[in-house]
Amino acid sequence: MFDRKLTRQISVGKIKIGGGAPISIQSMTNTKTHDATATIEQIKKLATEGCDIVRVAVPDMTAAKTLGKIISAVEVPIIADIHFDYKLALESIAQGVAALRLNPGNIGGAAHVREVVKSARAAKVPIRIGVNAGSLSRKLLAKYGGATPEALVESALEHVEILEAEDFFDIKISLKAHDVPLTLAAYRLMSAKKNYPLHLGITEAGTVNTGVIKSSVGIGALLAEGIGDTIRVSLTGDPVVEVKVAKEILKSLGLRDGGVTLIACPTCGRTKIDLPKIAAQVEEKISSIKQPLTVAVMGCVVNGPGEARTADVGIAGADGEGIIFRKGVIVRKVPESELVAELFKEIDTILNVTY
């Protein structure tokens, strides 16, 4: 386990963020928020996959006024994503959101900020200040000669100071860029300057193929340094995939338990079974298991019970057949066509599943 920086703790609904609380997973709907039915359906899918907090876009008053219906139909805390119009923030709070994502310098003058802060404080609604490299002010771009870590941090601190001036400290901060080294440097700098909880992510990371890699490297590196309190993997497409990836990042660092950890060898010339096909079948079938379990899918006896001896259960291939093993001990030999079925019989035994 990594030594984590102990940050100020806030509450987003029932979820604690910072202060040593477990690192939470967030995602964002890509439905039209005014379509309550579609948005509720997507939020429930995200929650089922393991998402702790869900953010929704609030581009107009119609969307804001739909939030109450959405919130009443789901169990996970909902964050309203607000830009420019302070009235949308006020309505979102009135509708019952658990938190806001906004930048106080972009919602009007001081009077508007005071209104939002007064309402947020009364409702115990924290505010995330979210700074993106692509939306820095011209002043900061000119001062630093472009989007630099220092520019991102200064932009965030300008917004923080606005809230602090109103005696509001229920804050979390994000500093996102699609450039991984830039993001890492910005979060490191902010972590050294302030004690507010940090929301980690690589923004506009791309499609699954590239976005998973960039997010895993960026988010994983910071978490390994003890930086970060909540994460979102930003990918183009179905947000449920974001949650799957986020869970694997946390599990790979020992920061979250639950579900199955799959070990699978890359295959080589010794492999005599269709390992890619078998591994894909196993991966699909284990996705619904919530209990912590380590399952190994190995191509041959060289990489089987020996290298995967720490796995709770696994299979290793031979010529047209394979073995089932538990904790490195061979249980039985079975034909290749029965490997997956026999593996799951063993998993059911471990999990005490009966039919």
Protein backbone atom coordinates (compact mmCIF):
# COMPACT_ATOMS: atom_id res chain seq x y z
CA MET A 1 0.00 0.00 0.00
CA PHE A 2 1.26 3.45 -0.90
CA ASP A 3 1.58 6.28 1.60
CA ARG A 4 -1.17 8.71 0.65
CA LYS A 5 -1.11 12.40 1.34
CA LEU A 6 -3.78 13.10 3.94
CA THR A 7 -6.02 15.76 2.44
CA ARG A 8 -9.00 17.68 3.76
CA GLN A 9 -12.10 15.47 3.69
CA ILE A 10 -15.34 16.41 1.96
CA SER A 11 -18.60 14.52 1.45
CA VAL A 12 -20.26 14.06 -1.92
CA GLY A 13 -23.54 12.64 -0.75
CA LYS A 14 -22.75 9.38 1.02
CA ILE A 15 -19.22 9.20 -0.45
CA LYS A 16 -16.28 10.56 1.53
CA ILE A 17 -13.43 12.04 -0.50
CA GLY A 18 -10.02 12.78 0.98
CA GLY A 19 -8.92 12.42 4.55
CA GLY A 20 -7.82 8.83 4.00
CA ALA A 21 -11.16 7.66 2.57
CA PRO A 22 -11.02 4.95 -0.13
CA ILE A 23 -10.32 6.36 -3.58
CA SER A 24 -13.66 6.74 -5.32
CA ILE A 25 -14.47 6.16 -8.99
CA GLN A 26 -16.36 8.74 -10.99
CA SER A 27 -17.77 8.87 -14.50
CA MET A 28 -20.00 11.17 -16.52
CA THR A 29 -23.13 10.44 -18.51
CA ASN A 30 -23.15 11.17 -22.24
CA THR A 31 -26.92 11.18 -22.56
CA LYS A 32 -28.91 14.40 -22.91
CA THR A 33 -29.68 15.26 -19.29
CA HIS A 34 -33.17 16.52 -20.11
CA ASP A 35 -33.92 12.96 -21.26
CA ALA A 36 -34.43 11.67 -17.74
CA THR A 37 -35.23 8.09 -18.77
CA ALA A 38 -32.06 7.61 -20.80
CA THR A 39 -29.92 9.36 -18.20
CA ILE A 40 -31.31 7.30 -15.32
CA GLU A 41 -30.73 4.10 -17.28
CA GLN A 42 -27.11 5.00 -17.92
CA ILE A 43 -26.48 6.05 -14.32
CA LYS A 44 -27.83 2.71 -13.09
CA LYS A 45 -25.51 0.85 -15.48
CA LEU A 46 -22.56 2.86 -14.18
CA ALA A 47 -23.52 2.15 -10.58
CA THR A 48 -23.91 -1.57 -11.26
CA GLU A 49 -20.41 -1.63 -12.72
CA GLY A 50 -19.00 -0.02 -9.57
CA CYS A 51 -19.12 3.72 -10.17
CA ASP A 52 -19.30 5.65 -6.88
CA ILE A 53 -20.25 9.12 -8.17
CA VAL A 54 -21.78 10.24 -11.48
CA ARG A 55 -21.53 13.68 -13.07
CA VAL A 56 -24.11 15.01 -15.51
CA ALA A 57 -23.92 17.98 -17.85
CA VAL A 58 -26.28 20.87 -17.08
CA PRO A 59 -26.16 23.07 -20.19
CA ASP A 60 -29.49 24.82 -19.69
CA MET A 61 -32.39 25.32 -17.29
CA THR A 62 -34.39 22.46 -18.80
CA ALA A 63 -31.59 20.08 -17.87
CA ALA A 64 -31.28 21.64 -14.41
CA LYS A 65 -34.98 21.19 -13.69
CA THR A 66 -34.76 17.52 -14.71
CA LEU A 67 -32.16 16.74 -12.05
CA GLY A 68 -34.66 16.13 -9.25
CA LYS A 69 -36.36 13.36 -11.20
CA ILE A 70 -33.02 11.77 -11.99
CA ILE A 71 -31.70 12.02 -8.42
CA SER A 72 -34.83 10.46 -6.95
CA ALA A 73 -34.47 7.42 -9.22
CA VAL A 74 -30.83 6.54 -8.50
CA GLU A 75 -28.72 5.72 -5.46
CA VAL A 76 -25.32 7.14 -6.40
CA PRO A 77 -24.54 10.82 -5.68
CA ILE A 78 -25.00 13.13 -8.67
CA ILE A 79 -22.69 16.03 -9.53
CA ALA A 80 -23.95 18.88 -11.71
CA ASP A 81 -21.45 20.12 -14.31
CA ILE A 82 -21.99 23.89 -14.66
CA HIS A 83 -20.43 26.48 -16.92
CA PHE A 84 -20.98 30.25 -17.09
CA ASP A 85 -24.53 30.57 -15.70
CA TYR A 86 -24.80 30.81 -11.91
CA LYS A 87 -28.58 30.28 -12.08
CA LEU A 88 -27.97 26.74 -13.28
CA ALA A 89 -25.89 26.12 -10.16
CA LEU A 90 -28.63 27.50 -7.91
CA GLU A 91 -31.29 25.36 -9.59
CA SER A 92 -29.10 22.25 -9.44
CA ILE A 93 -28.66 22.71 -5.70
CA ALA A 94 -32.40 23.21 -5.30
CA GLN A 95 -32.97 19.96 -7.22
CA GLY A 96 -30.79 18.05 -4.73
CA VAL A 97 -27.40 17.46 -6.36
CA ALA A 98 -24.63 16.16 -4.12
CA ALA A 99 -21.94 18.46 -5.56
CA LEU A 100 -21.15 21.04 -8.22
CA ARG A 101 -18.40 21.16 -10.79
CA LEU A 102 -17.82 24.79 -11.71
CA ASN A 103 -15.22 27.52 -11.77
CA PRO A 104 -16.42 30.49 -9.69
CA GLY A 105 -14.54 32.96 -11.86
CA ASN A 106 -16.67 31.94 -14.85
CA ILE A 107 -20.20 32.31 -13.45
CA GLY A 108 -20.43 36.10 -13.20
CA GLY A 109 -19.40 38.66 -10.64
CA ALA A 110 -18.85 38.47 -6.91
CA ALA A 111 -22.56 38.79 -6.15
CA HIS A 112 -23.33 35.66 -8.18
CA VAL A 113 -20.54 33.74 -6.51
CA ARG A 114 -21.88 34.72 -3.09
CA GLU A 115 -25.34 33.47 -4.02
CA VAL A 116 -23.99 30.10 -5.13
CA VAL A 117 -21.74 29.76 -2.07
CA LYS A 118 -24.58 30.66 0.29
CA SER A 119 -26.82 28.03 -1.30
CA ALA A 120 -24.05 25.39 -1.47
CA ARG A 121 -23.11 25.92 2.17
CA ALA A 122 -26.72 25.59 3.34
CA ALA A 123 -27.19 22.38 1.34
CA LYS A 124 -23.72 20.99 2.29
CA VAL A 125 -22.83 20.80 -1.40
CA PRO A 126 -19.08 20.83 -2.15
CA ILE A 127 -17.64 22.46 -5.26
CA ARG A 128 -15.05 20.97 -7.59
CA ILE A 129 -12.83 23.49 -9.31
CA GLY A 130 -11.92 21.93 -12.63
CA VAL A 131 -9.12 23.42 -14.72
CA ASN A 132 -8.31 22.11 -18.20
CA ALA A 133 -5.19 22.95 -20.19
CA GLY A 134 -7.35 23.76 -23.19
CA SER A 135 -9.36 26.45 -21.42
CA LEU A 136 -6.72 28.55 -19.67
CA SER A 137 -7.13 32.31 -19.78
CA ARG A 138 -5.20 34.36 -22.32
CA LYS A 139 -3.53 36.17 -19.43
CA LEU A 140 -2.05 32.95 -18.03
CA LEU A 141 -1.10 31.61 -21.46
CA ALA A 142 0.78 34.83 -22.13
CA LYS A 143 2.39 34.88 -18.69
CA TYR A 144 3.74 31.32 -18.91
CA GLY A 145 4.16 31.05 -22.67
CA GLY A 146 1.54 28.33 -23.00
CA ALA A 147 -0.17 25.63 -20.99
CA THR A 148 2.35 24.78 -18.28
CA PRO A 149 1.97 23.10 -14.88
CA GLU A 150 2.40 26.50 -13.24
CA ALA A 151 -0.35 28.00 -15.42
CA LEU A 152 -2.78 25.20 -14.55
CA VAL A 153 -2.09 25.53 -10.83
CA GLU A 154 -2.33 29.32 -10.84
CA SER A 155 -5.65 29.14 -12.69
CA ALA A 156 -7.04 26.72 -10.10
CA LEU A 157 -5.74 28.82 -7.20
CA GLU A 158 -7.42 31.93 -8.60
CA HIS A 159 -10.74 30.12 -8.38
CA VAL A 160 -9.92 28.65 -4.98
CA GLU A 161 -9.21 32.12 -3.62
CA ILE A 162 -12.63 33.33 -4.76
CA LEU A 163 -14.31 30.62 -2.68
CA GLU A 164 -11.97 31.02 0.27
CA ALA A 165 -12.75 34.73 0.31
CA GLU A 166 -16.38 33.71 0.90
CA ASP A 167 -15.24 31.47 3.79
CA PHE A 168 -16.04 28.37 1.74
CA PHE A 169 -13.62 25.45 1.95
CA ASP A 170 -15.71 22.45 0.85
CA ILE A 171 -13.55 22.20 -2.27
CA LYS A 172 -11.87 19.61 -4.43
CA ILE A 173 -9.60 20.36 -7.38
CA SER A 174 -8.81 18.85 -10.76
CA LEU A 175 -6.02 19.87 -13.16
CA LYS A 176 -6.47 18.00 -16.42
CA ALA A 177 -4.69 17.89 -19.75
CA HIS A 178 -4.42 15.33 -22.53
CA ASP A 179 -0.64 15.55 -22.12
CA VAL A 180 0.40 13.07 -19.43
CA PRO A 181 3.70 14.68 -18.28
CA LEU A 182 1.99 18.07 -18.04
CA THR A 183 -0.81 16.59 -15.94
CA LEU A 184 1.60 14.78 -13.64
CA ALA A 185 3.65 17.93 -13.02
CA ALA A 186 0.55 20.04 -12.36
CA TYR A 187 -0.90 17.64 -9.79
CA ARG A 188 2.46 17.29 -8.04
CA LEU A 189 2.75 21.06 -7.80
CA MET A 190 -0.81 21.49 -6.50
CA SER A 191 -0.38 18.69 -3.98
CA ALA A 192 2.60 20.54 -2.53
CA LYS A 193 0.69 23.83 -2.32
CA LYS A 194 -2.78 22.94 -1.04
CA ASN A 195 -4.43 20.32 1.12
CA TYR A 196 -7.73 20.05 -0.76
CA PRO A 197 -8.68 16.62 -2.14
CA LEU A 198 -7.63 16.04 -5.74
CA HIS A 199 -9.74 14.59 -8.53
CA LEU A 200 -7.40 12.79 -10.97
CA GLY A 201 -7.85 12.30 -14.68
CA ILE A 202 -6.32 12.69 -18.11
CA THR A 203 -8.83 14.73 -20.08
CA GLU A 204 -9.63 14.02 -23.73
CA ALA A 205 -7.57 10.85 -23.39
CA GLY A 206 -9.09 9.45 -26.58
CA THR A 207 -10.63 6.16 -27.61
CA VAL A 208 -10.31 2.97 -25.62
CA ASN A 209 -7.14 1.92 -27.43
CA THR A 210 -5.12 5.04 -26.60
CA GLY A 211 -7.13 6.45 -23.71
CA VAL A 212 -6.72 3.41 -21.48
CA ILE A 213 -2.94 3.63 -21.81
CA LYS A 214 -2.72 7.38 -21.16
CA SER A 215 -5.13 7.22 -18.24
CA SER A 216 -3.45 4.20 -16.68
CA VAL A 217 -0.01 5.80 -16.91
CA GLY A 218 -1.12 9.24 -15.70
CA ILE A 219 -3.56 8.28 -12.97
CA GLY A 220 -1.51 5.27 -11.91
CA ALA A 221 1.71 7.26 -11.55
CA LEU A 222 0.08 9.85 -9.31
CA LEU A 223 -1.68 7.26 -7.17
CA ALA A 224 1.62 5.41 -6.75
CA GLU A 225 3.06 8.65 -5.37
CA GLY A 226 0.21 8.94 -2.87
CA ILE A 227 -1.49 11.76 -4.77
CA GLY A 228 -5.21 11.64 -5.52
CA ASP A 229 -8.51 11.03 -3.75
CA THR A 230 -10.99 10.32 -6.55
CA ILE A 231 -10.51 9.40 -10.22
CA ARG A 232 -12.21 9.49 -13.58
CA VAL A 233 -10.96 7.73 -16.68
CA SER A 234 -12.10 9.84 -19.65
CA LEU A 235 -12.74 7.75 -22.76
CA THR A 236 -14.64 8.35 -25.97
CA GLY A 237 -17.71 6.12 -26.05
CA ASP A 238 -19.65 4.13 -23.47
CA PRO A 239 -18.85 5.53 -19.98
CA VAL A 240 -19.32 2.09 -18.45
CA VAL A 241 -15.93 1.23 -19.94
CA GLU A 242 -14.42 4.12 -17.96
CA VAL A 243 -15.51 2.47 -14.74
CA LYS A 244 -14.13 -0.92 -15.74
CA VAL A 245 -10.74 0.64 -16.47
CA ALA A 246 -10.75 2.73 -13.29
CA LYS A 247 -11.42 -0.38 -11.20
CA GLU A 248 -8.50 -2.18 -12.82
CA ILE A 249 -6.17 0.75 -12.19
CA LEU A 250 -7.06 0.75 -8.51
CA LYS A 251 -6.89 -3.04 -8.22
CA SER A 252 -3.49 -3.16 -9.94
CA LEU A 253 -2.12 -0.79 -7.28
CA GLY A 254 -3.76 -2.63 -4.41
CA LEU A 255 -6.05 0.31 -3.74
CA ARG A 256 -9.36 -1.51 -4.23
CA ASP A 257 -10.58 -5.03 -3.60
CA GLY A 258 -13.54 -6.80 -5.11
CA GLY A 259 -14.19 -8.58 -8.35
CA VAL A 260 -11.88 -10.88 -10.22
CA THR A 261 -8.24 -10.26 -11.08
CA LEU A 262 -7.44 -12.09 -14.30
CA ILE A 263 -3.91 -13.37 -14.97
CA ALA A 264 -3.29 -14.44 -18.56
CA CYS A 265 0.02 -15.21 -20.25
CA PRO A 266 0.88 -13.58 -23.61
CA THR A 267 1.29 -16.98 -25.35
CA CYS A 268 4.33 -18.24 -27.24
CA GLY A 269 5.37 -21.10 -29.48
CA ARG A 270 4.71 -23.62 -26.70
CA THR A 271 1.00 -22.82 -26.62
CA LYS A 272 -1.12 -25.60 -28.15
CA ILE A 273 -4.60 -24.40 -27.21
CA ASP A 274 -6.61 -21.41 -28.49
CA LEU A 275 -5.65 -19.27 -25.51
CA PRO A 276 -6.91 -15.89 -26.82
CA LYS A 277 -10.37 -17.37 -27.38
CA ILE A 278 -10.39 -19.10 -24.00
CA ALA A 279 -9.12 -15.99 -22.17
CA ALA A 280 -11.84 -13.86 -23.82
CA GLN A 281 -14.52 -16.34 -22.75
CA VAL A 282 -13.24 -16.36 -19.19
CA GLU A 283 -12.96 -12.57 -19.04
CA GLU A 284 -16.55 -12.17 -20.17
CA LYS A 285 -17.90 -14.71 -17.69
CA ILE A 286 -16.01 -13.35 -14.67
CA SER A 287 -17.21 -9.77 -15.23
CA SER A 288 -20.31 -10.35 -13.10
CA ILE A 289 -18.42 -11.78 -10.09
CA LYS A 290 -18.18 -9.27 -7.25
CA GLN A 291 -16.19 -11.35 -4.76
CA PRO A 292 -12.39 -10.94 -4.72
CA LEU A 293 -10.79 -13.77 -6.68
CA THR A 294 -7.65 -14.29 -8.76
CA VAL A 295 -8.09 -16.43 -11.88
CA ALA A 296 -5.24 -17.54 -14.15
CA VAL A 297 -5.50 -18.52 -17.82
CA MET A 298 -2.11 -19.91 -18.90
CA GLY A 299 -0.97 -21.29 -22.22
CA CYS A 300 1.17 -24.20 -21.09
CA VAL A 301 2.43 -26.07 -18.07
CA VAL A 302 5.59 -23.92 -17.98
CA ASN A 303 3.49 -20.84 -17.17
CA GLY A 304 0.79 -22.80 -15.42
CA PRO A 305 0.76 -23.90 -11.79
CA GLY A 306 4.29 -22.59 -11.22
CA GLU A 307 4.19 -18.95 -12.35
CA ALA A 308 0.51 -18.62 -11.43
CA ARG A 309 0.70 -20.43 -8.10
CA THR A 310 -0.69 -17.37 -6.29
CA ALA A 311 -3.94 -17.58 -8.26
CA ASP A 312 -6.96 -18.95 -6.43
CA VAL A 313 -7.80 -21.05 -9.46
CA GLY A 314 -6.55 -21.41 -13.01
CA ILE A 315 -6.13 -23.42 -16.14
CA ALA A 316 -3.08 -24.30 -18.19
CA GLY A 317 -3.08 -25.77 -21.67
CA ALA A 318 -1.39 -28.76 -23.23
CA ASP A 319 -1.95 -30.54 -26.58
CA GLY A 320 -5.74 -30.61 -26.97
CA GLU A 321 -6.24 -30.69 -23.25
CA GLY A 322 -5.40 -28.77 -20.10
CA ILE A 323 -5.23 -28.84 -16.35
CA ILE A 324 -7.25 -27.19 -13.62
CA PHE A 325 -5.19 -25.99 -10.65
CA ARG A 326 -5.78 -24.22 -7.35
CA LYS A 327 -3.01 -22.29 -5.59
CA GLY A 328 -0.47 -24.06 -7.80
CA VAL A 329 -1.77 -27.55 -7.07
CA ILE A 330 -3.12 -29.57 -10.01
CA VAL A 331 -6.72 -30.65 -9.43
CA ARG A 332 -7.46 -32.57 -12.63
CA LYS A 333 -6.80 -32.85 -16.36
CA VAL A 334 -9.64 -32.13 -18.85
CA PRO A 335 -10.12 -31.90 -22.65
CA GLU A 336 -9.55 -28.45 -24.18
CA SER A 337 -13.25 -28.18 -25.09
CA GLU A 338 -14.17 -28.47 -21.40
CA LEU A 339 -11.54 -26.15 -19.92
CA VAL A 340 -13.76 -23.10 -19.46
CA ALA A 341 -16.73 -25.06 -18.12
CA GLU A 342 -14.53 -26.97 -15.68
CA LEU A 343 -12.78 -23.78 -14.58
CA PHE A 344 -16.11 -22.23 -13.65
CA LYS A 345 -17.20 -25.35 -11.81
CA GLU A 346 -14.13 -24.84 -9.67
CA ILE A 347 -14.88 -21.14 -9.26
CA ASP A 348 -18.42 -21.96 -8.16
CA THR A 349 -17.01 -24.36 -5.58
CA ILE A 350 -14.69 -21.67 -4.22
CA LEU A 351 -17.51 -19.12 -4.05
CA ASN A 352 -19.98 -21.67 -2.63
CA VAL A 353 -22.33 -21.15 -5.57
CA THR A 354 -25.11 -23.69 -5.89
CA TYR A 355 -27.70 -24.11 -8.63
